[in-house]
Structures are given as structure tokens and as C-alpha cells.
Amino acid sequence: MHDQIQADRVLVAGATGHLGRHLVAELHERGCRVRVLIRRAEQATALPLADEVFVGQVTDAATLAGAADGIDTVYSAVGITRQRDHVSYRQVDYGGNLALLHEAERAGVRHFTYIGILGGTAMRSVMLVGAKERFADALTASRVRHTIVRPAGYFSDMREFLDMAERGRVYLAGDGRRRINPVSARDLAAACVQATMAGSAEIQVGGPQTFSYEQIARLALQAAGRPARITHLPPVLLRAAAGVLWTLSPALYSPMQFFLAVVSRDMVAPACGHDRLADYFRHQHRRHAAR
């Protein structure tokens, strides 16, 4: 563990994303002066708690010049879940974060916090994870002090279960016995800031409850008010479907490759926070029903 630090001036990259917005709110609540990095000026309206706005693209290093000037700590939640518009994981999750790190080094930033993934070192062959781990390697080798946060999974990732439940049936890969303790973006943001200010080099973060995927499916069906209809799909069938996707659409193959890698192992990290998945499902279902 590094010596404890105090960061008053922060830059949040990926601020318009689900976690990024909660990072901005958490840092604002702690009295930090928050600068956000956004791709388009009009996105600033979605971030009313930001003190400063910097417009730039992580995939275009030249547009980042000055983004980290006067900043103590950079928080990066930059990343994509699906390759689209000819932009790859290598360009964003690795290259974009690397460009941001180089700008932080140039500006003399003291600390860089990056949100990776639990178990990433064991899943390097997965395209999405491999790009994240390449950047984690570069960050670890940098002269800038760092914190790498590895969440077990997000509540928002579990939204897929609720979407299926609202259609009347949840499909699971295999027997559904693998376990995960996903964490809310609000609780994860608090853990990120706390770990950074404590100077932790790396932490793993999970939510307060651990579930099997079967239990998550039943929780989603209950929130949607649907009968417990669950279908277990043989992993060999899903791997065959992934192989077809690789031929027809590599952009669709990569998220499926990631999904199959995650659900084939336990994703359980030290528990933190207080938000509960059942409450998240109920809230999301009410929002969907109100539309």
C-alpha cells in the first residue's frame, strides 16, 4: 500500500457512463474540484455537478493536451462493452487509456485510478479483458502512483436478466450454480474514491450479497412479477453459437466471448456497500413499466 494521499483536484474520464456519473457525484460530495472529460460539449448538461469541462477524445491523443493540467488524480472509467463504429477494445480500453496516462504523466499528475475487472489476469485471452489488462500493465509500470479497482460485476450488468424476465423466461448458461456478488455503481464509486485516497495499489470490490446465477434469475423474475421460468442452455451449444458469430460478426462475438468467460467461473470479491440487487431490479422494472 502506498502512503495515504489527499486529492482535491480530480479529472474523471468516462464521466458520462454509468459508473462515471456516480464517481462525479461521490467526488463532489467529498469536496473535490471535479473536471470531466467528455467527447462532445453538449454532454456537459448531463453532468451538473462537474466544476470544469474538458472536451476531448481518448482515441485522439492530440485532443487531450491540457486535460490533466493542474490535476492531482485522474479517475478513468473509460471502456466499451461492444466494438462498434470501427472502434475496437484495443483502441479504447488500451490505447485510449494509455493516451490519457501519457497526458497525466506529462502534466505531473500524482495518482491515476483505473477500473478494471475481477480476475482479469486469468482471462487475458478474452478480447475485452486482454485490452484492459494491457493497460493495467502499462499503468503499473508507470511512474505515476496508481490504484487499480477490480469489481466483480455491476448491477447494470444484471439488467440482462431482468430484460429476459420481463419477456417471461430467463436463459442461463449451464447449471447456473456459478456465483457472483455484483456491486451498484454508487457503492463502487465510493470504494474507488476511498481506495484512491488511502493509496491502495489494487483492490477487489463486490457487493454485499453473493448469488448464484440461478438465484439472480429467480430474483429478476420475482421483480417482474413473472412465473419462475428458467431454461438452462448447454455451454457447448453457446460456444458453438459464439463460433458462428466469430465468422459472421466479430463485433457481436466479443461480448459473447466475455459473457461465456465470466459465467464459467465464480466472480466473488470482498463485499462493500449497502445497495441490494433486489431493490435495483424492482426500481428498474418500475421505470420500464412507467414508460
C-alpha atoms as a PDB file:
ATOM      1  CA  MET A   1       0.000   0.000   0.000  1.00  0.00           C
ATOM      2  CA  HIS A   2       1.192   3.484  -0.855  1.00  0.00           C
ATOM      3  CA  ASP A   3       1.217   6.324   1.648  1.00  0.00           C
ATOM      4  CA  GLN A   4      -2.168   7.918   2.170  1.00  0.00           C
ATOM      5  CA  ILE A   5      -2.935  10.766  -0.240  1.00  0.00           C
ATOM      6  CA  GLN A   6      -5.477  13.530  -0.469  1.00  0.00           C
ATOM      7  CA  ALA A   7      -6.724  14.553  -3.898  1.00  0.00           C
ATOM      8  CA  ASP A   8      -8.589  17.849  -4.193  1.00  0.00           C
ATOM      9  CA  ARG A   9      -8.450  18.413  -7.956  1.00  0.00           C
ATOM     10  CA  VAL A  10      -9.613  15.436  -9.985  1.00  0.00           C
ATOM     11  CA  LEU A  11     -10.291  14.519 -13.593  1.00  0.00           C
ATOM     12  CA  VAL A  12     -12.966  11.923 -14.350  1.00  0.00           C
ATOM     13  CA  ALA A  13     -12.697  10.267 -17.753  1.00  0.00           C
ATOM     14  CA  GLY A  14     -15.677   8.245 -18.902  1.00  0.00           C
ATOM     15  CA  ALA A  15     -17.797  10.633 -16.845  1.00  0.00           C
ATOM     16  CA  THR A  16     -20.943  10.207 -18.945  1.00  0.00           C
ATOM     17  CA  GLY A  17     -21.019   6.454 -18.333  1.00  0.00           C
ATOM     18  CA  HIS A  18     -22.977   4.716 -15.595  1.00  0.00           C
ATOM     19  CA  LEU A  19     -20.062   4.479 -13.157  1.00  0.00           C
ATOM     20  CA  GLY A  20     -18.553   7.799 -14.250  1.00  0.00           C
ATOM     21  CA  ARG A  21     -21.606   9.787 -13.190  1.00  0.00           C
ATOM     22  CA  HIS A  22     -21.515   8.201  -9.751  1.00  0.00           C
ATOM     23  CA  LEU A  23     -17.799   8.960  -9.472  1.00  0.00           C
ATOM     24  CA  VAL A  24     -18.516  12.609 -10.210  1.00  0.00           C
ATOM     25  CA  ALA A  25     -21.241  12.673  -7.549  1.00  0.00           C
ATOM     26  CA  GLU A  26     -19.063  10.927  -4.953  1.00  0.00           C
ATOM     27  CA  LEU A  27     -16.082  13.204  -5.544  1.00  0.00           C
ATOM     28  CA  HIS A  28     -18.303  16.299  -5.464  1.00  0.00           C
ATOM     29  CA  GLU A  29     -19.783  15.112  -2.156  1.00  0.00           C
ATOM     30  CA  ARG A  30     -16.266  14.769  -0.734  1.00  0.00           C
ATOM     31  CA  GLY A  31     -15.457  18.358  -1.642  1.00  0.00           C
ATOM     32  CA  CYS A  32     -13.149  17.686  -4.592  1.00  0.00           C
ATOM     33  CA  ARG A  33     -12.991  20.044  -7.544  1.00  0.00           C
ATOM     34  CA  VAL A  34     -14.134  17.851 -10.416  1.00  0.00           C
ATOM     35  CA  ARG A  35     -13.144  18.233 -14.050  1.00  0.00           C
ATOM     36  CA  VAL A  36     -14.849  15.887 -16.505  1.00  0.00           C
ATOM     37  CA  LEU A  37     -13.520  14.672 -19.837  1.00  0.00           C
ATOM     38  CA  ILE A  38     -16.331  14.425 -22.376  1.00  0.00           C
ATOM     39  CA  ARG A  39     -16.427  13.733 -26.107  1.00  0.00           C
ATOM     40  CA  ARG A  40     -18.926  16.443 -27.042  1.00  0.00           C
ATOM     41  CA  ALA A  41     -19.656  19.789 -25.392  1.00  0.00           C
ATOM     42  CA  GLU A  42     -23.411  19.131 -25.219  1.00  0.00           C
ATOM     43  CA  GLN A  43     -22.785  16.174 -22.881  1.00  0.00           C
ATOM     44  CA  ALA A  44     -21.972  18.654 -20.109  1.00  0.00           C
ATOM     45  CA  THR A  45     -25.693  19.166 -19.450  1.00  0.00           C
ATOM     46  CA  ALA A  46     -25.844  15.605 -18.072  1.00  0.00           C
ATOM     47  CA  LEU A  47     -23.119  16.388 -15.509  1.00  0.00           C
ATOM     48  CA  PRO A  48     -24.397  19.343 -13.439  1.00  0.00           C
ATOM     49  CA  LEU A  49     -22.088  18.510 -10.503  1.00  0.00           C
ATOM     50  CA  ALA A  50     -18.919  18.967 -12.560  1.00  0.00           C
ATOM     51  CA  ASP A  51     -16.900  22.099 -11.822  1.00  0.00           C
ATOM     52  CA  GLU A  52     -14.998  22.082 -15.109  1.00  0.00           C
ATOM     53  CA  VAL A  53     -15.475  20.500 -18.526  1.00  0.00           C
ATOM     54  CA  PHE A  54     -12.780  19.408 -20.970  1.00  0.00           C
ATOM     55  CA  VAL A  55     -13.771  18.251 -24.434  1.00  0.00           C
ATOM     56  CA  GLY A  56     -11.516  15.625 -25.980  1.00  0.00           C
ATOM     57  CA  GLN A  57     -11.373  12.131 -27.440  1.00  0.00           C
ATOM     58  CA  VAL A  58      -9.244   9.440 -25.804  1.00  0.00           C
ATOM     59  CA  THR A  59      -8.845   7.848 -29.227  1.00  0.00           C
ATOM     60  CA  ASP A  60      -7.238  11.088 -30.482  1.00  0.00           C
ATOM     61  CA  ALA A  61      -4.298  11.866 -28.199  1.00  0.00           C
ATOM     62  CA  ALA A  62      -3.828  15.353 -29.633  1.00  0.00           C
ATOM     63  CA  THR A  63      -7.248  16.421 -28.274  1.00  0.00           C
ATOM     64  CA  LEU A  64      -6.206  15.515 -24.722  1.00  0.00           C
ATOM     65  CA  ALA A  65      -3.466  18.140 -24.482  1.00  0.00           C
ATOM     66  CA  GLY A  66      -4.079  20.106 -21.279  1.00  0.00           C
ATOM     67  CA  ALA A  67      -6.808  17.786 -19.982  1.00  0.00           C
ATOM     68  CA  ALA A  68      -4.805  16.906 -16.862  1.00  0.00           C
ATOM     69  CA  ASP A  69      -3.161  20.287 -16.214  1.00  0.00           C
ATOM     70  CA  GLY A  70      -3.494  21.227 -12.534  1.00  0.00           C
ATOM     71  CA  ILE A  71      -4.980  17.835 -11.662  1.00  0.00           C
ATOM     72  CA  ASP A  72      -3.956  15.738  -8.650  1.00  0.00           C
ATOM     73  CA  THR A  73      -5.755  12.496  -9.519  1.00  0.00           C
ATOM     74  CA  VAL A  74      -7.228  11.006 -12.686  1.00  0.00           C
ATOM     75  CA  TYR A  75     -10.090   8.519 -12.443  1.00  0.00           C
ATOM     76  CA  SER A  76     -10.634   6.530 -15.621  1.00  0.00           C
ATOM     77  CA  ALA A  77     -13.840   4.610 -16.242  1.00  0.00           C
ATOM     78  CA  VAL A  78     -13.082   4.654 -19.969  1.00  0.00           C
ATOM     79  CA  GLY A  79     -14.056   1.471 -21.774  1.00  0.00           C
ATOM     80  CA  ILE A  80     -16.528  -0.055 -24.207  1.00  0.00           C
ATOM     81  CA  THR A  81     -18.617  -3.207 -23.864  1.00  0.00           C
ATOM     82  CA  ARG A  82     -19.085  -3.749 -27.594  1.00  0.00           C
ATOM     83  CA  GLN A  83     -16.902  -2.895 -30.556  1.00  0.00           C
ATOM     84  CA  ARG A  84     -18.811  -0.626 -32.926  1.00  0.00           C
ATOM     85  CA  ASP A  85     -18.280   2.227 -35.387  1.00  0.00           C
ATOM     86  CA  HIS A  86     -14.917   0.694 -36.305  1.00  0.00           C
ATOM     87  CA  VAL A  87     -13.616   1.366 -32.775  1.00  0.00           C
ATOM     88  CA  SER A  88     -12.022  -1.614 -31.019  1.00  0.00           C
ATOM     89  CA  TYR A  89     -11.173  -2.574 -27.450  1.00  0.00           C
ATOM     90  CA  ARG A  90      -7.528  -2.147 -28.378  1.00  0.00           C
ATOM     91  CA  GLN A  91      -8.183   1.450 -29.439  1.00  0.00           C
ATOM     92  CA  VAL A  92     -10.326   2.442 -26.441  1.00  0.00           C
ATOM     93  CA  ASP A  93      -9.707   0.214 -23.420  1.00  0.00           C
ATOM     94  CA  TYR A  94      -5.975   0.037 -24.095  1.00  0.00           C
ATOM     95  CA  GLY A  95      -4.993   2.850 -26.451  1.00  0.00           C
ATOM     96  CA  GLY A  96      -7.418   5.454 -25.129  1.00  0.00           C
ATOM     97  CA  ASN A  97      -6.453   4.891 -21.523  1.00  0.00           C
ATOM     98  CA  LEU A  98      -2.777   4.836 -22.466  1.00  0.00           C
ATOM     99  CA  ALA A  99      -3.112   8.237 -24.167  1.00  0.00           C
ATOM    100  CA  LEU A 100      -4.780   9.547 -21.018  1.00  0.00           C
ATOM    101  CA  LEU A 101      -1.995   8.119 -18.867  1.00  0.00           C
ATOM    102  CA  HIS A 102       0.656   9.787 -21.044  1.00  0.00           C
ATOM    103  CA  GLU A 103      -1.142  13.114 -20.649  1.00  0.00           C
ATOM    104  CA  ALA A 104      -1.289  12.560 -16.886  1.00  0.00           C
ATOM    105  CA  GLU A 105       2.457  11.842 -16.812  1.00  0.00           C
ATOM    106  CA  ARG A 106       3.179  14.976 -18.822  1.00  0.00           C
ATOM    107  CA  ALA A 107       1.052  17.117 -16.501  1.00  0.00           C
ATOM    108  CA  GLY A 108       2.664  15.746 -13.335  1.00  0.00           C
ATOM    109  CA  VAL A 109      -0.484  14.067 -12.017  1.00  0.00           C
ATOM    110  CA  ARG A 110       0.229  12.327  -8.712  1.00  0.00           C
ATOM    111  CA  HIS A 111      -2.259   9.440  -8.923  1.00  0.00           C
ATOM    112  CA  PHE A 112      -4.181   7.510 -11.581  1.00  0.00           C
ATOM    113  CA  THR A 113      -7.119   5.272 -10.681  1.00  0.00           C
ATOM    114  CA  TYR A 114      -8.353   2.749 -13.234  1.00  0.00           C
ATOM    115  CA  ILE A 115     -11.397   0.493 -13.138  1.00  0.00           C
ATOM    116  CA  GLY A 116     -10.567  -2.945 -14.484  1.00  0.00           C
ATOM    117  CA  ILE A 117     -12.236  -6.303 -13.913  1.00  0.00           C
ATOM    118  CA  LEU A 118     -12.032  -9.016 -11.282  1.00  0.00           C
ATOM    119  CA  GLY A 119      -9.954 -11.986 -12.422  1.00  0.00           C
ATOM    120  CA  GLY A 120      -8.696 -10.120 -15.451  1.00  0.00           C
ATOM    121  CA  THR A 121      -5.224 -11.628 -15.300  1.00  0.00           C
ATOM    122  CA  ALA A 122      -6.748 -15.096 -15.797  1.00  0.00           C
ATOM    123  CA  MET A 123      -8.900 -14.005 -18.761  1.00  0.00           C
ATOM    124  CA  ARG A 124      -6.340 -12.258 -20.957  1.00  0.00           C
ATOM    125  CA  SER A 125      -7.335 -14.348 -23.977  1.00  0.00           C
ATOM    126  CA  VAL A 126     -10.761 -12.661 -23.937  1.00  0.00           C
ATOM    127  CA  MET A 127     -10.513  -9.650 -26.257  1.00  0.00           C
ATOM    128  CA  LEU A 128     -12.201  -7.129 -23.981  1.00  0.00           C
ATOM    129  CA  VAL A 129     -10.287  -8.271 -20.907  1.00  0.00           C
ATOM    130  CA  GLY A 130      -6.967  -8.512 -22.733  1.00  0.00           C
ATOM    131  CA  ALA A 131      -7.143  -4.847 -23.721  1.00  0.00           C
ATOM    132  CA  LYS A 132      -7.899  -3.841 -20.133  1.00  0.00           C
ATOM    133  CA  GLU A 133      -5.044  -5.933 -18.775  1.00  0.00           C
ATOM    134  CA  ARG A 134      -2.554  -4.483 -21.245  1.00  0.00           C
ATOM    135  CA  PHE A 135      -3.383  -1.048 -19.906  1.00  0.00           C
ATOM    136  CA  ALA A 136      -3.208  -2.263 -16.295  1.00  0.00           C
ATOM    137  CA  ASP A 137       0.316  -3.487 -17.078  1.00  0.00           C
ATOM    138  CA  ALA A 138       1.265  -0.088 -18.513  1.00  0.00           C
ATOM    139  CA  LEU A 139      -0.205   1.725 -15.523  1.00  0.00           C
ATOM    140  CA  THR A 140       1.656  -0.497 -13.078  1.00  0.00           C
ATOM    141  CA  ALA A 141       4.918   0.225 -14.918  1.00  0.00           C
ATOM    142  CA  SER A 142       4.293   3.990 -14.975  1.00  0.00           C
ATOM    143  CA  ARG A 143       5.980   6.422 -12.620  1.00  0.00           C
ATOM    144  CA  VAL A 144       2.524   7.728 -11.658  1.00  0.00           C
ATOM    145  CA  ARG A 145       1.161   6.182  -8.475  1.00  0.00           C
ATOM    146  CA  HIS A 146      -1.877   4.093  -9.201  1.00  0.00           C
ATOM    147  CA  THR A 147      -4.955   2.321  -7.923  1.00  0.00           C
ATOM    148  CA  ILE A 148      -6.495  -0.490  -9.965  1.00  0.00           C
ATOM    149  CA  VAL A 149     -10.049  -1.300  -8.922  1.00  0.00           C
ATOM    150  CA  ARG A 150     -11.379  -4.729  -9.881  1.00  0.00           C
ATOM    151  CA  PRO A 151     -15.169  -5.042  -9.474  1.00  0.00           C
ATOM    152  CA  ALA A 152     -16.844  -8.453  -9.537  1.00  0.00           C
ATOM    153  CA  GLY A 153     -19.601  -7.089 -11.764  1.00  0.00           C
ATOM    154  CA  TYR A 154     -22.110  -4.256 -11.886  1.00  0.00           C
ATOM    155  CA  PHE A 155     -25.804  -4.236 -11.053  1.00  0.00           C
ATOM    156  CA  SER A 156     -26.270  -2.804 -14.539  1.00  0.00           C
ATOM    157  CA  ASP A 157     -24.704  -5.978 -15.995  1.00  0.00           C
ATOM    158  CA  MET A 158     -27.519  -7.924 -14.305  1.00  0.00           C
ATOM    159  CA  ARG A 159     -30.090  -5.881 -16.222  1.00  0.00           C
ATOM    160  CA  GLU A 160     -29.970  -8.556 -18.936  1.00  0.00           C
ATOM    161  CA  PHE A 161     -31.603 -10.987 -16.504  1.00  0.00           C
ATOM    162  CA  LEU A 162     -34.413  -8.528 -15.836  1.00  0.00           C
ATOM    163  CA  ASP A 163     -34.904  -7.902 -19.565  1.00  0.00           C
ATOM    164  CA  MET A 164     -35.372 -11.643 -20.093  1.00  0.00           C
ATOM    165  CA  ALA A 165     -37.622 -11.915 -17.033  1.00  0.00           C
ATOM    166  CA  GLU A 166     -39.881  -9.163 -18.340  1.00  0.00           C
ATOM    167  CA  ARG A 167     -40.270 -11.209 -21.540  1.00  0.00           C
ATOM    168  CA  GLY A 168     -41.318 -14.203 -19.444  1.00  0.00           C
ATOM    169  CA  ARG A 169     -38.294 -16.530 -19.430  1.00  0.00           C
ATOM    170  CA  VAL A 170     -34.663 -16.357 -18.303  1.00  0.00           C
ATOM    171  CA  TYR A 171     -31.988 -18.318 -20.149  1.00  0.00           C
ATOM    172  CA  LEU A 172     -28.889 -19.419 -18.234  1.00  0.00           C
ATOM    173  CA  ALA A 173     -25.577 -20.825 -19.399  1.00  0.00           C
ATOM    174  CA  GLY A 174     -25.078 -24.248 -17.865  1.00  0.00           C
ATOM    175  CA  ASP A 175     -26.448 -25.181 -14.454  1.00  0.00           C
ATOM    176  CA  GLY A 176     -26.460 -21.609 -13.109  1.00  0.00           C
ATOM    177  CA  ARG A 177     -24.501 -22.540  -9.985  1.00  0.00           C
ATOM    178  CA  ARG A 178     -21.556 -20.199 -10.505  1.00  0.00           C
ATOM    179  CA  ARG A 179     -21.586 -17.289  -8.062  1.00  0.00           C
ATOM    180  CA  ILE A 180     -21.148 -13.540  -8.297  1.00  0.00           C
ATOM    181  CA  ASN A 181     -21.564 -10.584  -5.946  1.00  0.00           C
ATOM    182  CA  PRO A 182     -22.271  -7.632  -8.241  1.00  0.00           C
ATOM    183  CA  VAL A 183     -21.972  -4.124  -6.854  1.00  0.00           C
ATOM    184  CA  SER A 184     -24.011  -0.984  -7.533  1.00  0.00           C
ATOM    185  CA  ALA A 185     -22.310   1.884  -9.334  1.00  0.00           C
ATOM    186  CA  ARG A 186     -22.916   4.104  -6.308  1.00  0.00           C
ATOM    187  CA  ASP A 187     -21.198   1.698  -3.903  1.00  0.00           C
ATOM    188  CA  LEU A 188     -18.395   1.036  -6.385  1.00  0.00           C
ATOM    189  CA  ALA A 189     -17.755   4.762  -6.844  1.00  0.00           C
ATOM    190  CA  ALA A 190     -17.418   5.187  -3.082  1.00  0.00           C
ATOM    191  CA  ALA A 191     -14.990   2.249  -2.930  1.00  0.00           C
ATOM    192  CA  CYS A 192     -12.919   3.702  -5.791  1.00  0.00           C
ATOM    193  CA  VAL A 193     -12.527   7.055  -4.074  1.00  0.00           C
ATOM    194  CA  GLN A 194     -11.824   5.526  -0.679  1.00  0.00           C
ATOM    195  CA  ALA A 195      -9.138   3.210  -2.108  1.00  0.00           C
ATOM    196  CA  THR A 196      -7.537   6.073  -4.002  1.00  0.00           C
ATOM    197  CA  MET A 197      -7.406   8.368  -1.011  1.00  0.00           C
ATOM    198  CA  ALA A 198      -5.971   5.514   1.073  1.00  0.00           C
ATOM    199  CA  GLY A 199      -3.270   4.995  -1.570  1.00  0.00           C
ATOM    200  CA  SER A 200      -4.152   1.345  -2.254  1.00  0.00           C
ATOM    201  CA  ALA A 201      -2.361  -0.052  -5.304  1.00  0.00           C
ATOM    202  CA  GLU A 202      -5.093  -2.562  -6.153  1.00  0.00           C
ATOM    203  CA  ILE A 203      -8.410  -3.634  -4.652  1.00  0.00           C
ATOM    204  CA  GLN A 204     -11.180  -6.094  -5.465  1.00  0.00           C
ATOM    205  CA  VAL A 205     -14.744  -4.932  -4.922  1.00  0.00           C
ATOM    206  CA  GLY A 206     -18.012  -6.830  -4.723  1.00  0.00           C
ATOM    207  CA  GLY A 207     -21.477  -6.068  -3.457  1.00  0.00           C
ATOM    208  CA  PRO A 208     -22.843  -7.066  -0.044  1.00  0.00           C
ATOM    209  CA  GLN A 209     -24.688 -10.160  -1.336  1.00  0.00           C
ATOM    210  CA  THR A 210     -23.447 -13.200  -3.239  1.00  0.00           C
ATOM    211  CA  PHE A 211     -25.778 -15.078  -5.587  1.00  0.00           C
ATOM    212  CA  SER A 212     -25.710 -17.998  -7.965  1.00  0.00           C
ATOM    213  CA  TYR A 213     -26.885 -17.091 -11.455  1.00  0.00           C
ATOM    214  CA  GLU A 214     -29.945 -19.273 -10.804  1.00  0.00           C
ATOM    215  CA  GLN A 215     -30.767 -17.108  -7.789  1.00  0.00           C
ATOM    216  CA  ILE A 216     -30.316 -13.929  -9.833  1.00  0.00           C
ATOM    217  CA  ALA A 217     -32.697 -15.301 -12.474  1.00  0.00           C
ATOM    218  CA  ARG A 218     -35.342 -16.009  -9.819  1.00  0.00           C
ATOM    219  CA  LEU A 219     -34.815 -12.578  -8.274  1.00  0.00           C
ATOM    220  CA  ALA A 220     -35.357 -10.936 -11.665  1.00  0.00           C
ATOM    221  CA  LEU A 221     -38.499 -12.983 -12.376  1.00  0.00           C
ATOM    222  CA  GLN A 222     -39.871 -12.084  -8.954  1.00  0.00           C
ATOM    223  CA  ALA A 223     -39.252  -8.365  -9.565  1.00  0.00           C
ATOM    224  CA  ALA A 224     -41.000  -8.624 -12.929  1.00  0.00           C
ATOM    225  CA  GLY A 225     -43.959 -10.486 -11.390  1.00  0.00           C
ATOM    226  CA  ARG A 226     -43.435 -13.466 -13.666  1.00  0.00           C
ATOM    227  CA  PRO A 227     -43.559 -17.229 -13.008  1.00  0.00           C
ATOM    228  CA  ALA A 228     -40.199 -18.909 -12.404  1.00  0.00           C
ATOM    229  CA  ARG A 229     -39.490 -19.979 -15.989  1.00  0.00           C
ATOM    230  CA  ILE A 230     -35.788 -20.694 -16.419  1.00  0.00           C
ATOM    231  CA  THR A 231     -34.108 -22.551 -19.266  1.00  0.00           C
ATOM    232  CA  HIS A 232     -30.583 -23.899 -18.910  1.00  0.00           C
ATOM    233  CA  LEU A 233     -28.607 -23.857 -22.159  1.00  0.00           C
ATOM    234  CA  PRO A 234     -25.729 -26.322 -22.620  1.00  0.00           C
ATOM    235  CA  PRO A 235     -22.389 -24.453 -22.656  1.00  0.00           C
ATOM    236  CA  VAL A 236     -21.307 -26.460 -25.707  1.00  0.00           C
ATOM    237  CA  LEU A 237     -24.269 -25.019 -27.619  1.00  0.00           C
ATOM    238  CA  LEU A 238     -23.357 -21.468 -26.601  1.00  0.00           C
ATOM    239  CA  ARG A 239     -19.734 -21.984 -27.595  1.00  0.00           C
ATOM    240  CA  ALA A 240     -20.876 -23.245 -30.985  1.00  0.00           C
ATOM    241  CA  ALA A 241     -23.085 -20.166 -31.392  1.00  0.00           C
ATOM    242  CA  ALA A 242     -20.117 -17.977 -30.450  1.00  0.00           C
ATOM    243  CA  GLY A 243     -18.064 -19.669 -33.152  1.00  0.00           C
ATOM    244  CA  VAL A 244     -20.727 -18.818 -35.728  1.00  0.00           C
ATOM    245  CA  LEU A 245     -20.765 -15.209 -34.541  1.00  0.00           C
ATOM    246  CA  TRP A 246     -16.984 -15.015 -34.959  1.00  0.00           C
ATOM    247  CA  THR A 247     -17.472 -15.856 -38.634  1.00  0.00           C
ATOM    248  CA  LEU A 248     -20.489 -13.626 -39.236  1.00  0.00           C
ATOM    249  CA  SER A 249     -19.858 -10.677 -36.897  1.00  0.00           C
ATOM    250  CA  PRO A 250     -16.710 -10.360 -34.756  1.00  0.00           C
ATOM    251  CA  ALA A 251     -18.268  -7.264 -33.136  1.00  0.00           C
ATOM    252  CA  LEU A 252     -21.060  -9.446 -31.706  1.00  0.00           C
ATOM    253  CA  TYR A 253     -18.705 -12.314 -30.920  1.00  0.00           C
ATOM    254  CA  SER A 254     -16.540 -10.324 -28.495  1.00  0.00           C
ATOM    255  CA  PRO A 255     -19.262  -9.541 -25.885  1.00  0.00           C
ATOM    256  CA  MET A 256     -20.439 -13.155 -26.073  1.00  0.00           C
ATOM    257  CA  GLN A 257     -16.865 -14.354 -25.563  1.00  0.00           C
ATOM    258  CA  PHE A 258     -16.682 -12.140 -22.479  1.00  0.00           C
ATOM    259  CA  PHE A 259     -20.054 -13.355 -21.204  1.00  0.00           C
ATOM    260  CA  LEU A 260     -19.084 -17.022 -21.538  1.00  0.00           C
ATOM    261  CA  ALA A 261     -15.768 -16.412 -19.769  1.00  0.00           C
ATOM    262  CA  VAL A 262     -17.432 -14.651 -16.830  1.00  0.00           C
ATOM    263  CA  VAL A 263     -20.314 -17.094 -16.252  1.00  0.00           C
ATOM    264  CA  SER A 264     -17.962 -20.088 -16.342  1.00  0.00           C
ATOM    265  CA  ARG A 265     -16.201 -19.011 -13.128  1.00  0.00           C
ATOM    266  CA  ASP A 266     -17.062 -17.579  -9.730  1.00  0.00           C
ATOM    267  CA  MET A 267     -16.794 -13.777  -9.646  1.00  0.00           C
ATOM    268  CA  VAL A 268     -16.799 -13.076  -5.915  1.00  0.00           C
ATOM    269  CA  ALA A 269     -14.831 -10.205  -4.359  1.00  0.00           C
ATOM    270  CA  PRO A 270     -14.673  -8.716  -0.850  1.00  0.00           C
ATOM    271  CA  ALA A 271     -18.063  -7.220  -0.022  1.00  0.00           C
ATOM    272  CA  CYS A 272     -18.648  -3.499   0.263  1.00  0.00           C
ATOM    273  CA  GLY A 273     -21.547  -1.095   0.236  1.00  0.00           C
ATOM    274  CA  HIS A 274     -25.199  -1.446   1.135  1.00  0.00           C
ATOM    275  CA  ASP A 275     -27.231  -1.405  -2.099  1.00  0.00           C
ATOM    276  CA  ARG A 276     -29.193  -4.585  -2.808  1.00  0.00           C
ATOM    277  CA  LEU A 277     -29.779  -6.220  -6.173  1.00  0.00           C
ATOM    278  CA  ALA A 278     -33.460  -6.912  -5.453  1.00  0.00           C
ATOM    279  CA  ASP A 279     -34.054  -3.193  -4.922  1.00  0.00           C
ATOM    280  CA  TYR A 280     -32.242  -2.417  -8.187  1.00  0.00           C
ATOM    281  CA  PHE A 281     -34.407  -4.908 -10.097  1.00  0.00           C
ATOM    282  CA  ARG A 282     -37.625  -3.507  -8.608  1.00  0.00           C
ATOM    283  CA  HIS A 283     -36.602   0.071  -9.414  1.00  0.00           C
ATOM    284  CA  GLN A 284     -35.637  -0.811 -12.979  1.00  0.00           C
ATOM    285  CA  HIS A 285     -38.869  -2.745 -13.528  1.00  0.00           C
ATOM    286  CA  ARG A 286     -40.973   0.171 -12.267  1.00  0.00           C
ATOM    287  CA  ARG A 287     -39.152   2.526 -14.618  1.00  0.00           C
ATOM    288  CA  HIS A 288     -39.729   0.193 -17.543  1.00  0.00           C
ATOM    289  CA  ALA A 289     -43.409  -0.246 -16.683  1.00  0.00           C
ATOM    290  CA  ALA A 290     -43.902   3.526 -16.423  1.00  0.00           C
ATOM    291  CA  ARG A 291     -42.718   4.190 -19.975  1.00  0.00           C
END
